[in-house]
């Protein structure tokens, strides 16, 4: 990768962290007592559905998920561009795709909830 690509990759990492922290803080300000799930429908069993979830971790998870989706689209666009020019995809494309996959995984691990 070139120095420019490394700089862009570092900016993508900082952007992912900033979006996650900003959405986490925003969610915690909006819901200081946590996020309470909807009541369960009649006939379904629920063990801990009335326990509020941490709003900060929910916001961080959503920020990671959103940036991961954006980076996935960017990697897909870079892949299409390389294939339309009849070239192999560069390492940068795979690094961006890996960062997107890491964002998806961290989103699940932080809030332990599959969206």
PDB file of N, CA and C in Angstrom:
ATOM      1  N   UNK A   1       0.840  -1.181   0.000  1.00  0.00           N
ATOM      2  CA  UNK A   1       0.000   0.000   0.000  1.00  0.00           C
ATOM      3  C   UNK A   1       0.881   1.237   0.000  1.00  0.00           C
ATOM      4  N   UNK A   2       0.366   2.272  -0.622  1.00  0.00           N
ATOM      5  CA  UNK A   2       1.106   3.527  -0.672  1.00  0.00           C
ATOM      6  C   UNK A   2       0.883   4.306   0.621  1.00  0.00           C
ATOM      7  N   UNK A   3       1.670   5.379   0.776  1.00  0.00           N
ATOM      8  CA  UNK A   3       1.521   6.217   1.970  1.00  0.00           C
ATOM      9  C   UNK A   3       0.143   6.870   2.015  1.00  0.00           C
ATOM     10  N   UNK A   4      -0.367   7.230   0.860  1.00  0.00           N
ATOM     11  CA  UNK A   4      -1.699   7.836   0.804  1.00  0.00           C
ATOM     12  C   UNK A   4      -2.762   6.840   1.240  1.00  0.00           C
ATOM     13  N   UNK A   5      -2.644   5.608   0.784  1.00  0.00           N
ATOM     14  CA  UNK A   5      -3.608   4.588   1.174  1.00  0.00           C
ATOM     15  C   UNK A   5      -3.513   4.284   2.664  1.00  0.00           C
ATOM     16  N   UNK A   6      -2.321   4.279   3.206  1.00  0.00           N
ATOM     17  CA  UNK A   6      -2.168   4.081   4.651  1.00  0.00           C
ATOM     18  C   UNK A   6      -2.802   5.217   5.443  1.00  0.00           C
ATOM     19  N   UNK A   7      -2.631   6.441   4.951  1.00  0.00           N
ATOM     20  CA  UNK A   7      -3.247   7.588   5.611  1.00  0.00           C
ATOM     21  C   UNK A   7      -4.772   7.493   5.549  1.00  0.00           C
ATOM     22  N   UNK A   8      -5.293   7.113   4.391  1.00  0.00           N
ATOM     23  CA  UNK A   8      -6.745   6.960   4.254  1.00  0.00           C
ATOM     24  C   UNK A   8      -7.255   5.848   5.164  1.00  0.00           C
ATOM     25  N   UNK A   9      -6.503   4.747   5.232  1.00  0.00           N
ATOM     26  CA  UNK A   9      -6.903   3.636   6.095  1.00  0.00           C
ATOM     27  C   UNK A   9      -6.905   4.065   7.565  1.00  0.00           C
ATOM     28  N   UNK A  10      -5.908   4.825   7.968  1.00  0.00           N
ATOM     29  CA  UNK A  10      -5.871   5.335   9.349  1.00  0.00           C
ATOM     30  C   UNK A  10      -7.052   6.266   9.601  1.00  0.00           C
ATOM     31  N   UNK A  11      -7.406   7.076   8.619  1.00  0.00           N
ATOM     32  CA  UNK A  11      -8.560   7.964   8.761  1.00  0.00           C
ATOM     33  C   UNK A  11      -9.858   7.165   8.858  1.00  0.00           C
ATOM     34  N   UNK A  12      -9.955   6.052   8.145  1.00  0.00           N
ATOM     35  CA  UNK A  12     -11.136   5.201   8.247  1.00  0.00           C
ATOM     36  C   UNK A  12     -11.255   4.593   9.646  1.00  0.00           C
ATOM     37  N   UNK A  13     -10.127   4.190  10.213  1.00  0.00           N
ATOM     38  CA  UNK A  13     -10.145   3.639  11.576  1.00  0.00           C
ATOM     39  C   UNK A  13     -10.576   4.707  12.578  1.00  0.00           C
ATOM     40  N   UNK A  14      -9.999   5.895  12.470  1.00  0.00           N
ATOM     41  CA  UNK A  14     -10.371   6.994  13.369  1.00  0.00           C
ATOM     42  C   UNK A  14     -11.839   7.366  13.177  1.00  0.00           C
ATOM     43  N   UNK A  15     -12.311   7.347  11.948  1.00  0.00           N
ATOM     44  CA  UNK A  15     -13.722   7.638  11.682  1.00  0.00           C
ATOM     45  C   UNK A  15     -14.646   6.614  12.310  1.00  0.00           C
ATOM     46  N   UNK A  16     -14.252   5.348  12.268  1.00  0.00           N
ATOM     47  CA  UNK A  16     -15.070   4.300  12.873  1.00  0.00           C
ATOM     48  C   UNK A  16     -15.135   4.478  14.387  1.00  0.00           C
ATOM     49  N   UNK A  17     -14.001   4.769  14.988  1.00  0.00           N
ATOM     50  CA  UNK A  17     -13.963   4.967  16.440  1.00  0.00           C
ATOM     51  C   UNK A  17     -14.762   6.209  16.831  1.00  0.00           C
ATOM     52  N   UNK A  18     -14.609   7.285  16.076  1.00  0.00           N
ATOM     53  CA  UNK A  18     -15.325   8.527  16.387  1.00  0.00           C
ATOM     54  C   UNK A  18     -16.834   8.350  16.244  1.00  0.00           C
ATOM     55  N   UNK A  19     -17.267   7.668  15.205  1.00  0.00           N
ATOM     56  CA  UNK A  19     -18.712   7.446  15.018  1.00  0.00           C
ATOM     57  C   UNK A  19     -19.265   6.573  16.133  1.00  0.00           C
ATOM     58  N   UNK A  20     -18.525   5.549  16.524  1.00  0.00           N
ATOM     59  CA  UNK A  20     -18.998   4.663  17.591  1.00  0.00           C
ATOM     60  C   UNK A  20     -19.110   5.416  18.915  1.00  0.00           C
ATOM     61  N   UNK A  21     -18.098   6.190  19.245  1.00  0.00           N
ATOM     62  CA  UNK A  21     -18.135   6.931  20.511  1.00  0.00           C
ATOM     63  C   UNK A  21     -19.215   8.018  20.495  1.00  0.00           C
ATOM     64  N   UNK A  22     -19.361   8.701  19.366  1.00  0.00           N
ATOM     65  CA  UNK A  22     -20.371   9.759  19.279  1.00  0.00           C
ATOM     66  C   UNK A  22     -21.777   9.190  19.415  1.00  0.00           C
ATOM     67  N   UNK A  23     -22.060   8.089  18.731  1.00  0.00           N
ATOM     68  CA  UNK A  23     -23.390   7.493  18.858  1.00  0.00           C
ATOM     69  C   UNK A  23     -23.605   6.889  20.244  1.00  0.00           C
ATOM     70  N   UNK A  24     -22.534   6.373  20.853  1.00  0.00           N
ATOM     71  CA  UNK A  24     -22.662   5.855  22.216  1.00  0.00           C
ATOM     72  C   UNK A  24     -22.996   6.954  23.209  1.00  0.00           C
ATOM     73  N   UNK A  25     -22.295   8.075  23.124  1.00  0.00           N
ATOM     74  CA  UNK A  25     -22.583   9.205  24.016  1.00  0.00           C
ATOM     75  C   UNK A  25     -23.968   9.783  23.762  1.00  0.00           C
ATOM     76  N   UNK A  26     -24.350   9.889  22.495  1.00  0.00           N
ATOM     77  CA  UNK A  26     -25.671  10.415  22.162  1.00  0.00           C
ATOM     78  C   UNK A  26     -26.769   9.508  22.706  1.00  0.00           C
ATOM     79  N   UNK A  27     -26.598   8.215  22.541  1.00  0.00           N
ATOM     80  CA  UNK A  27     -27.592   7.268  23.030  1.00  0.00           C
ATOM     81  C   UNK A  27     -27.683   7.294  24.551  1.00  0.00           C
ATOM     82  N   UNK A  28     -26.548   7.453  25.224  1.00  0.00           N
ATOM     83  CA  UNK A  28     -26.559   7.521  26.685  1.00  0.00           C
ATOM     84  C   UNK A  28     -27.222   8.804  27.175  1.00  0.00           C
ATOM     85  N   UNK A  29     -27.076   9.904  26.435  1.00  0.00           N
ATOM     86  CA  UNK A  29     -27.742  11.152  26.825  1.00  0.00           C
ATOM     87  C   UNK A  29     -29.246  11.072  26.614  1.00  0.00           C
ATOM     88  N   UNK A  30     -29.654  10.425  25.542  1.00  0.00           N
ATOM     89  CA  UNK A  30     -31.084  10.309  25.249  1.00  0.00           C
ATOM     90  C   UNK A  30     -31.769   9.351  26.218  1.00  0.00           C
ATOM     91  N   UNK A  31     -31.102   8.249  26.546  1.00  0.00           N
ATOM     92  CA  UNK A  31     -31.667   7.217  27.422  1.00  0.00           C
ATOM     93  C   UNK A  31     -30.762   6.996  28.637  1.00  0.00           C
ATOM     94  N   UNK A  32     -30.782   7.895  29.619  1.00  0.00           N
ATOM     95  CA  UNK A  32     -29.859   7.746  30.763  1.00  0.00           C
ATOM     96  C   UNK A  32     -30.150   6.513  31.624  1.00  0.00           C
ATOM     97  N   UNK A  33     -31.363   6.009  31.601  1.00  0.00           N
ATOM     98  CA  UNK A  33     -31.716   4.837  32.405  1.00  0.00           C
ATOM     99  C   UNK A  33     -31.585   3.531  31.636  1.00  0.00           C
ATOM    100  N   UNK A  34     -31.092   3.590  30.422  1.00  0.00           N
ATOM    101  CA  UNK A  34     -30.956   2.391  29.596  1.00  0.00           C
ATOM    102  C   UNK A  34     -32.106   2.261  28.620  1.00  0.00           C
ATOM    103  N   UNK A  35     -31.993   1.277  27.771  1.00  0.00           N
ATOM    104  CA  UNK A  35     -33.014   1.027  26.755  1.00  0.00           C
ATOM    105  C   UNK A  35     -33.856  -0.150  27.206  1.00  0.00           C
ATOM    106  N   UNK A  36     -35.145   0.088  27.390  1.00  0.00           N
ATOM    107  CA  UNK A  36     -36.062  -0.959  27.829  1.00  0.00           C
ATOM    108  C   UNK A  36     -36.678  -1.607  26.601  1.00  0.00           C
ATOM    109  N   UNK A  37     -36.594  -2.931  26.491  1.00  0.00           N
ATOM    110  CA  UNK A  37     -37.179  -3.606  25.331  1.00  0.00           C
ATOM    111  C   UNK A  37     -38.697  -3.579  25.374  1.00  0.00           C
ATOM    112  N   UNK A  38     -39.291  -3.821  24.232  1.00  0.00           N
ATOM    113  CA  UNK A  38     -40.750  -3.870  24.142  1.00  0.00           C
ATOM    114  C   UNK A  38     -41.268  -5.061  24.930  1.00  0.00           C
ATOM    115  N   UNK A  39     -42.488  -4.958  25.421  1.00  0.00           N
ATOM    116  CA  UNK A  39     -43.045  -6.099  26.151  1.00  0.00           C
ATOM    117  C   UNK A  39     -43.234  -7.298  25.219  1.00  0.00           C
ATOM    118  N   UNK A  40     -43.130  -8.467  25.799  1.00  0.00           N
ATOM    119  CA  UNK A  40     -43.261  -9.699  25.021  1.00  0.00           C
ATOM    120  C   UNK A  40     -44.733  -9.980  24.765  1.00  0.00           C
ATOM    121  N   UNK A  41     -45.018 -10.497  23.582  1.00  0.00           N
ATOM    122  CA  UNK A  41     -46.408 -10.817  23.227  1.00  0.00           C
ATOM    123  C   UNK A  41     -46.932 -11.932  24.119  1.00  0.00           C
ATOM    124  N   UNK A  42     -48.234 -11.996  24.218  1.00  0.00           N
ATOM    125  CA  UNK A  42     -48.862 -12.985  25.065  1.00  0.00           C
ATOM    126  C   UNK A  42     -48.592 -14.383  24.519  1.00  0.00           C
ATOM    127  N   UNK A  43     -48.245 -15.287  25.400  1.00  0.00           N
ATOM    128  CA  UNK A  43     -47.970 -16.663  24.996  1.00  0.00           C
ATOM    129  C   UNK A  43     -46.490 -16.951  24.803  1.00  0.00           C
ATOM    130  N   UNK A  44     -45.657 -15.927  24.731  1.00  0.00           N
ATOM    131  CA  UNK A  44     -44.212 -16.127  24.600  1.00  0.00           C
ATOM    132  C   UNK A  44     -43.579 -16.049  25.976  1.00  0.00           C
ATOM    133  N   UNK A  45     -42.506 -16.785  26.145  1.00  0.00           N
ATOM    134  CA  UNK A  45     -41.807 -16.748  27.422  1.00  0.00           C
ATOM    135  C   UNK A  45     -40.672 -15.738  27.353  1.00  0.00           C
ATOM    136  N   UNK A  46     -40.438 -15.078  28.464  1.00  0.00           N
ATOM    137  CA  UNK A  46     -39.353 -14.092  28.534  1.00  0.00           C
ATOM    138  C   UNK A  46     -38.727 -14.179  29.910  1.00  0.00           C
ATOM    139  N   UNK A  47     -37.414 -14.285  29.937  1.00  0.00           N
ATOM    140  CA  UNK A  47     -36.745 -14.385  31.225  1.00  0.00           C
ATOM    141  C   UNK A  47     -36.270 -13.021  31.712  1.00  0.00           C
ATOM    142  N   UNK A  48     -35.571 -12.279  30.863  1.00  0.00           N
ATOM    143  CA  UNK A  48     -35.010 -11.006  31.313  1.00  0.00           C
ATOM    144  C   UNK A  48     -35.369  -9.867  30.361  1.00  0.00           C
ATOM    145  N   UNK A  49     -36.562  -9.875  29.810  1.00  0.00           N
ATOM    146  CA  UNK A  49     -36.927  -8.841  28.843  1.00  0.00           C
ATOM    147  C   UNK A  49     -37.206  -7.502  29.494  1.00  0.00           C
ATOM    148  N   UNK A  50     -37.477  -7.455  30.773  1.00  0.00           N
ATOM    149  CA  UNK A  50     -37.776  -6.190  31.430  1.00  0.00           C
ATOM    150  C   UNK A  50     -36.531  -5.474  31.937  1.00  0.00           C
ATOM    151  N   UNK A  51     -35.371  -6.097  31.809  1.00  0.00           N
ATOM    152  CA  UNK A  51     -34.127  -5.497  32.262  1.00  0.00           C
ATOM    153  C   UNK A  51     -33.646  -4.519  31.193  1.00  0.00           C
ATOM    154  N   UNK A  52     -33.457  -3.244  31.546  1.00  0.00           N
ATOM    155  CA  UNK A  52     -32.979  -2.288  30.535  1.00  0.00           C
ATOM    156  C   UNK A  52     -31.544  -2.577  30.109  1.00  0.00           C
ATOM    157  N   UNK A  53     -31.291  -2.361  28.833  1.00  0.00           N
ATOM    158  CA  UNK A  53     -29.952  -2.563  28.282  1.00  0.00           C
ATOM    159  C   UNK A  53     -29.172  -1.258  28.374  1.00  0.00           C
ATOM    160  N   UNK A  54     -27.856  -1.369  28.415  1.00  0.00           N
ATOM    161  CA  UNK A  54     -26.990  -0.207  28.498  1.00  0.00           C
ATOM    162  C   UNK A  54     -27.091   0.599  27.203  1.00  0.00           C
ATOM    163  N   UNK A  55     -27.447   1.858  27.322  1.00  0.00           N
ATOM    164  CA  UNK A  55     -27.644   2.697  26.144  1.00  0.00           C
ATOM    165  C   UNK A  55     -26.323   3.024  25.463  1.00  0.00           C
ATOM    166  N   UNK A  56     -25.254   3.206  26.225  1.00  0.00           N
ATOM    167  CA  UNK A  56     -23.971   3.539  25.624  1.00  0.00           C
ATOM    168  C   UNK A  56     -23.463   2.405  24.736  1.00  0.00           C
ATOM    169  N   UNK A  57     -23.516   1.176  25.243  1.00  0.00           N
ATOM    170  CA  UNK A  57     -23.033   0.052  24.436  1.00  0.00           C
ATOM    171  C   UNK A  57     -23.916  -0.163  23.216  1.00  0.00           C
ATOM    172  N   UNK A  58     -25.208   0.112  23.337  1.00  0.00           N
ATOM    173  CA  UNK A  58     -26.096   0.015  22.184  1.00  0.00           C
ATOM    174  C   UNK A  58     -25.706   1.043  21.125  1.00  0.00           C
ATOM    175  N   UNK A  59     -25.436   2.274  21.542  1.00  0.00           N
ATOM    176  CA  UNK A  59     -25.038   3.311  20.600  1.00  0.00           C
ATOM    177  C   UNK A  59     -23.702   3.019  19.942  1.00  0.00           C
ATOM    178  N   UNK A  60     -22.748   2.516  20.720  1.00  0.00           N
ATOM    179  CA  UNK A  60     -21.447   2.138  20.153  1.00  0.00           C
ATOM    180  C   UNK A  60     -21.631   1.036  19.127  1.00  0.00           C
ATOM    181  N   UNK A  61     -22.459   0.075  19.464  1.00  0.00           N
ATOM    182  CA  UNK A  61     -22.711  -1.029  18.544  1.00  0.00           C
ATOM    183  C   UNK A  61     -23.349  -0.540  17.243  1.00  0.00           C
ATOM    184  N   UNK A  62     -24.282   0.373  17.347  1.00  0.00           N
ATOM    185  CA  UNK A  62     -24.930   0.903  16.141  1.00  0.00           C
ATOM    186  C   UNK A  62     -23.958   1.757  15.323  1.00  0.00           C
ATOM    187  N   UNK A  63     -23.071   2.506  15.990  1.00  0.00           N
ATOM    188  CA  UNK A  63     -22.064   3.278  15.268  1.00  0.00           C
ATOM    189  C   UNK A  63     -21.103   2.377  14.514  1.00  0.00           C
ATOM    190  N   UNK A  64     -20.678   1.293  15.148  1.00  0.00           N
ATOM    191  CA  UNK A  64     -19.804   0.332  14.473  1.00  0.00           C
ATOM    192  C   UNK A  64     -20.516  -0.338  13.309  1.00  0.00           C
ATOM    193  N   UNK A  65     -21.775  -0.669  13.512  1.00  0.00           N
ATOM    194  CA  UNK A  65     -22.543  -1.309  12.449  1.00  0.00           C
ATOM    195  C   UNK A  65     -22.720  -0.376  11.256  1.00  0.00           C
ATOM    196  N   UNK A  66     -23.017   0.888  11.528  1.00  0.00           N
ATOM    197  CA  UNK A  66     -23.202   1.849  10.446  1.00  0.00           C
ATOM    198  C   UNK A  66     -21.932   2.098   9.650  1.00  0.00           C
ATOM    199  N   UNK A  67     -20.824   2.274  10.341  1.00  0.00           N
ATOM    200  CA  UNK A  67     -19.576   2.506   9.621  1.00  0.00           C
ATOM    201  C   UNK A  67     -19.123   1.241   8.905  1.00  0.00           C
ATOM    202  N   UNK A  68     -19.386   0.073   9.486  1.00  0.00           N
ATOM    203  CA  UNK A  68     -19.031  -1.175   8.810  1.00  0.00           C
ATOM    204  C   UNK A  68     -19.823  -1.333   7.514  1.00  0.00           C
ATOM    205  N   UNK A  69     -21.084  -0.958   7.541  1.00  0.00           N
ATOM    206  CA  UNK A  69     -21.881  -1.007   6.306  1.00  0.00           C
ATOM    207  C   UNK A  69     -21.344  -0.036   5.258  1.00  0.00           C
ATOM    208  N   UNK A  70     -20.948   1.148   5.691  1.00  0.00           N
ATOM    209  CA  UNK A  70     -20.372   2.126   4.774  1.00  0.00           C
ATOM    210  C   UNK A  70     -19.071   1.608   4.178  1.00  0.00           C
ATOM    211  N   UNK A  71     -18.206   1.051   5.020  1.00  0.00           N
ATOM    212  CA  UNK A  71     -16.918   0.546   4.537  1.00  0.00           C
ATOM    213  C   UNK A  71     -17.089  -0.677   3.644  1.00  0.00           C
ATOM    214  N   UNK A  72     -18.118  -1.459   3.890  1.00  0.00           N
ATOM    215  CA  UNK A  72     -18.416  -2.595   3.026  1.00  0.00           C
ATOM    216  C   UNK A  72     -18.805  -2.096   1.636  1.00  0.00           C
ATOM    217  N   UNK A  73     -19.596  -1.044   1.586  1.00  0.00           N
ATOM    218  CA  UNK A  73     -19.970  -0.453   0.292  1.00  0.00           C
ATOM    219  C   UNK A  73     -18.749   0.141  -0.418  1.00  0.00           C
ATOM    220  N   UNK A  74     -17.869   0.769   0.326  1.00  0.00           N
ATOM    221  CA  UNK A  74     -16.652   1.327  -0.274  1.00  0.00           C
ATOM    222  C   UNK A  74     -15.779   0.208  -0.838  1.00  0.00           C
ATOM    223  N   UNK A  75     -15.598  -0.865  -0.076  1.00  0.00           N
ATOM    224  CA  UNK A  75     -14.784  -1.993  -0.546  1.00  0.00           C
ATOM    225  C   UNK A  75     -15.413  -2.635  -1.774  1.00  0.00           C
ATOM    226  N   UNK A  76     -16.721  -2.755  -1.787  1.00  0.00           N
ATOM    227  CA  UNK A  76     -17.411  -3.325  -2.939  1.00  0.00           C
ATOM    228  C   UNK A  76     -17.227  -2.433  -4.163  1.00  0.00           C
ATOM    229  N   UNK A  77     -17.305  -1.121  -3.975  1.00  0.00           N
ATOM    230  CA  UNK A  77     -17.071  -0.192  -5.087  1.00  0.00           C
ATOM    231  C   UNK A  77     -15.641  -0.273  -5.610  1.00  0.00           C
ATOM    232  N   UNK A  78     -14.677  -0.392  -4.709  1.00  0.00           N
ATOM    233  CA  UNK A  78     -13.282  -0.541  -5.134  1.00  0.00           C
ATOM    234  C   UNK A  78     -13.071  -1.857  -5.889  1.00  0.00           C
ATOM    235  N   UNK A  79     -13.748  -2.900  -5.442  1.00  0.00           N
ATOM    236  CA  UNK A  79     -13.651  -4.192  -6.122  1.00  0.00           C
ATOM    237  C   UNK A  79     -14.257  -4.119  -7.521  1.00  0.00           C
ATOM    238  N   UNK A  80     -15.402  -3.477  -7.645  1.00  0.00           N
ATOM    239  CA  UNK A  80     -16.039  -3.324  -8.958  1.00  0.00           C
ATOM    240  C   UNK A  80     -15.162  -2.482  -9.874  1.00  0.00           C
ATOM    241  N   UNK A  81     -14.567  -1.420  -9.344  1.00  0.00           N
ATOM    242  CA  UNK A  81     -13.689  -0.581 -10.155  1.00  0.00           C
ATOM    243  C   UNK A  81     -12.486  -1.372 -10.676  1.00  0.00           C
ATOM    244  N   UNK A  82     -11.888  -2.185  -9.824  1.00  0.00           N
ATOM    245  CA  UNK A  82     -10.732  -2.980 -10.247  1.00  0.00           C
ATOM    246  C   UNK A  82     -11.137  -3.996 -11.314  1.00  0.00           C
ATOM    247  N   UNK A  83     -12.272  -4.631 -11.141  1.00  0.00           N
ATOM    248  CA  UNK A  83     -12.707  -5.629 -12.110  1.00  0.00           C
ATOM    249  C   UNK A  83     -13.135  -4.999 -13.430  1.00  0.00           C
ATOM    250  N   UNK A  84     -13.702  -3.805 -13.382  1.00  0.00           N
ATOM    251  CA  UNK A  84     -14.101  -3.147 -14.634  1.00  0.00           C
ATOM    252  C   UNK A  84     -12.890  -2.668 -15.428  1.00  0.00           C
ATOM    253  N   UNK A  85     -11.782  -2.420 -14.732  1.00  0.00           N
ATOM    254  CA  UNK A  85     -10.536  -2.056 -15.406  1.00  0.00           C
ATOM    255  C   UNK A  85      -9.683  -3.283 -15.728  1.00  0.00           C
ATOM    256  N   UNK A  86     -10.228  -4.476 -15.481  1.00  0.00           N
ATOM    257  CA  UNK A  86      -9.548  -5.753 -15.743  1.00  0.00           C
ATOM    258  C   UNK A  86      -8.228  -5.870 -14.983  1.00  0.00           C
ATOM    259  N   UNK A  87      -8.282  -5.447 -13.717  1.00  0.00           N
ATOM    260  CA  UNK A  87      -7.129  -5.573 -12.834  1.00  0.00           C
ATOM    261  C   UNK A  87      -7.539  -6.390 -11.625  1.00  0.00           C
ATOM    262  N   UNK A  88      -6.559  -6.892 -10.928  1.00  0.00           N
ATOM    263  CA  UNK A  88      -6.839  -7.582  -9.668  1.00  0.00           C
ATOM    264  C   UNK A  88      -7.097  -6.532  -8.581  1.00  0.00           C
ATOM    265  N   UNK A  89      -7.894  -6.911  -7.622  1.00  0.00           N
ATOM    266  CA  UNK A  89      -8.170  -5.998  -6.511  1.00  0.00           C
ATOM    267  C   UNK A  89      -6.889  -5.772  -5.711  1.00  0.00           C
ATOM    268  N   UNK A  90      -6.693  -4.547  -5.265  1.00  0.00           N
ATOM    269  CA  UNK A  90      -5.470  -4.197  -4.537  1.00  0.00           C
ATOM    270  C   UNK A  90      -5.578  -4.631  -3.077  1.00  0.00           C
ATOM    271  N   UNK A  91      -4.448  -4.572  -2.390  1.00  0.00           N
ATOM    272  CA  UNK A  91      -4.425  -4.884  -0.960  1.00  0.00           C
ATOM    273  C   UNK A  91      -5.298  -3.917  -0.180  1.00  0.00           C
ATOM    274  N   UNK A  92      -5.346  -2.676  -0.630  1.00  0.00           N
ATOM    275  CA  UNK A  92      -6.150  -1.668   0.055  1.00  0.00           C
ATOM    276  C   UNK A  92      -7.613  -2.072   0.080  1.00  0.00           C
ATOM    277  N   UNK A  93      -8.113  -2.638  -1.024  1.00  0.00           N
ATOM    278  CA  UNK A  93      -9.506  -3.084  -1.085  1.00  0.00           C
ATOM    279  C   UNK A  93      -9.759  -4.158  -0.040  1.00  0.00           C
ATOM    280  N   UNK A  94      -8.843  -5.090   0.085  1.00  0.00           N
ATOM    281  CA  UNK A  94      -9.017  -6.158   1.062  1.00  0.00           C
ATOM    282  C   UNK A  94      -8.862  -5.660   2.495  1.00  0.00           C
ATOM    283  N   UNK A  95      -8.013  -4.658   2.715  1.00  0.00           N
ATOM    284  CA  UNK A  95      -7.882  -4.070   4.044  1.00  0.00           C
ATOM    285  C   UNK A  95      -9.162  -3.346   4.451  1.00  0.00           C
ATOM    286  N   UNK A  96      -9.773  -2.645   3.505  1.00  0.00           N
ATOM    287  CA  UNK A  96     -11.033  -1.950   3.796  1.00  0.00           C
ATOM    288  C   UNK A  96     -12.138  -2.979   4.067  1.00  0.00           C
ATOM    289  N   UNK A  97     -12.162  -4.049   3.274  1.00  0.00           N
ATOM    290  CA  UNK A  97     -13.151  -5.108   3.512  1.00  0.00           C
ATOM    291  C   UNK A  97     -12.919  -5.771   4.870  1.00  0.00           C
ATOM    292  N   UNK A  98     -11.665  -5.955   5.246  1.00  0.00           N
ATOM    293  CA  UNK A  98     -11.354  -6.515   6.557  1.00  0.00           C
ATOM    294  C   UNK A  98     -11.762  -5.602   7.691  1.00  0.00           C
ATOM    295  N   UNK A  99     -11.597  -4.292   7.495  1.00  0.00           N
ATOM    296  CA  UNK A  99     -12.033  -3.323   8.505  1.00  0.00           C
ATOM    297  C   UNK A  99     -13.553  -3.354   8.652  1.00  0.00           C
ATOM    298  N   UNK A 100     -14.254  -3.515   7.531  1.00  0.00           N
ATOM    299  CA  UNK A 100     -15.712  -3.639   7.591  1.00  0.00           C
ATOM    300  C   UNK A 100     -16.115  -4.896   8.353  1.00  0.00           C
ATOM    301  N   UNK A 101     -15.449  -6.009   8.085  1.00  0.00           N
ATOM    302  CA  UNK A 101     -15.752  -7.254   8.793  1.00  0.00           C
ATOM    303  C   UNK A 101     -15.451  -7.120  10.279  1.00  0.00           C
ATOM    304  N   UNK A 102     -14.365  -6.437  10.615  1.00  0.00           N
ATOM    305  CA  UNK A 102     -14.036  -6.201  12.016  1.00  0.00           C
ATOM    306  C   UNK A 102     -15.116  -5.348  12.686  1.00  0.00           C
ATOM    307  N   UNK A 103     -15.625  -4.347  11.975  1.00  0.00           N
ATOM    308  CA  UNK A 103     -16.700  -3.525  12.523  1.00  0.00           C
ATOM    309  C   UNK A 103     -17.962  -4.330  12.779  1.00  0.00           C
ATOM    310  N   UNK A 104     -18.316  -5.232  11.847  1.00  0.00           N
ATOM    311  CA  UNK A 104     -19.475  -6.099  12.060  1.00  0.00           C
ATOM    312  C   UNK A 104     -19.273  -6.990  13.285  1.00  0.00           C
ATOM    313  N   UNK A 105     -18.087  -7.575  13.399  1.00  0.00           N
ATOM    314  CA  UNK A 105     -17.817  -8.473  14.522  1.00  0.00           C
ATOM    315  C   UNK A 105     -17.831  -7.719  15.854  1.00  0.00           C
ATOM    316  N   UNK A 106     -17.203  -6.555  15.889  1.00  0.00           N
ATOM    317  CA  UNK A 106     -17.184  -5.769  17.126  1.00  0.00           C
ATOM    318  C   UNK A 106     -18.575  -5.279  17.502  1.00  0.00           C
ATOM    319  N   UNK A 107     -19.385  -4.958  16.505  1.00  0.00           N
ATOM    320  CA  UNK A 107     -20.751  -4.536  16.780  1.00  0.00           C
ATOM    321  C   UNK A 107     -21.516  -5.636  17.499  1.00  0.00           C
ATOM    322  N   UNK A 108     -21.313  -6.866  17.058  1.00  0.00           N
ATOM    323  CA  UNK A 108     -21.986  -7.987  17.715  1.00  0.00           C
ATOM    324  C   UNK A 108     -21.394  -8.255  19.101  1.00  0.00           C
ATOM    325  N   UNK A 109     -20.077  -8.212  19.217  1.00  0.00           N
ATOM    326  CA  UNK A 109     -19.437  -8.533  20.483  1.00  0.00           C
ATOM    327  C   UNK A 109     -19.706  -7.502  21.571  1.00  0.00           C
ATOM    328  N   UNK A 110     -19.798  -6.237  21.200  1.00  0.00           N
ATOM    329  CA  UNK A 110     -19.989  -5.182  22.197  1.00  0.00           C
ATOM    330  C   UNK A 110     -21.383  -5.232  22.800  1.00  0.00           C
ATOM    331  N   UNK A 111     -22.394  -5.383  21.970  1.00  0.00           N
ATOM    332  CA  UNK A 111     -23.760  -5.359  22.507  1.00  0.00           C
ATOM    333  C   UNK A 111     -24.374  -6.738  22.598  1.00  0.00           C
ATOM    334  N   UNK A 112     -23.724  -7.748  22.057  1.00  0.00           N
ATOM    335  CA  UNK A 112     -24.192  -9.129  22.121  1.00  0.00           C
ATOM    336  C   UNK A 112     -25.640  -9.258  21.618  1.00  0.00           C
ATOM    337  N   UNK A 113     -25.887  -8.594  20.511  1.00  0.00           N
ATOM    338  CA  UNK A 113     -27.230  -8.604  19.946  1.00  0.00           C
ATOM    339  C   UNK A 113     -27.098  -8.564  18.444  1.00  0.00           C
ATOM    340  N   UNK A 114     -27.750  -9.471  17.767  1.00  0.00           N
ATOM    341  CA  UNK A 114     -27.661  -9.525  16.296  1.00  0.00           C
ATOM    342  C   UNK A 114     -28.801  -8.711  15.708  1.00  0.00           C
ATOM    343  N   UNK A 115     -28.437  -7.712  14.891  1.00  0.00           N
ATOM    344  CA  UNK A 115     -29.452  -6.816  14.330  1.00  0.00           C
ATOM    345  C   UNK A 115     -29.948  -7.370  13.026  1.00  0.00           C
TER     346      UNK A 115
END
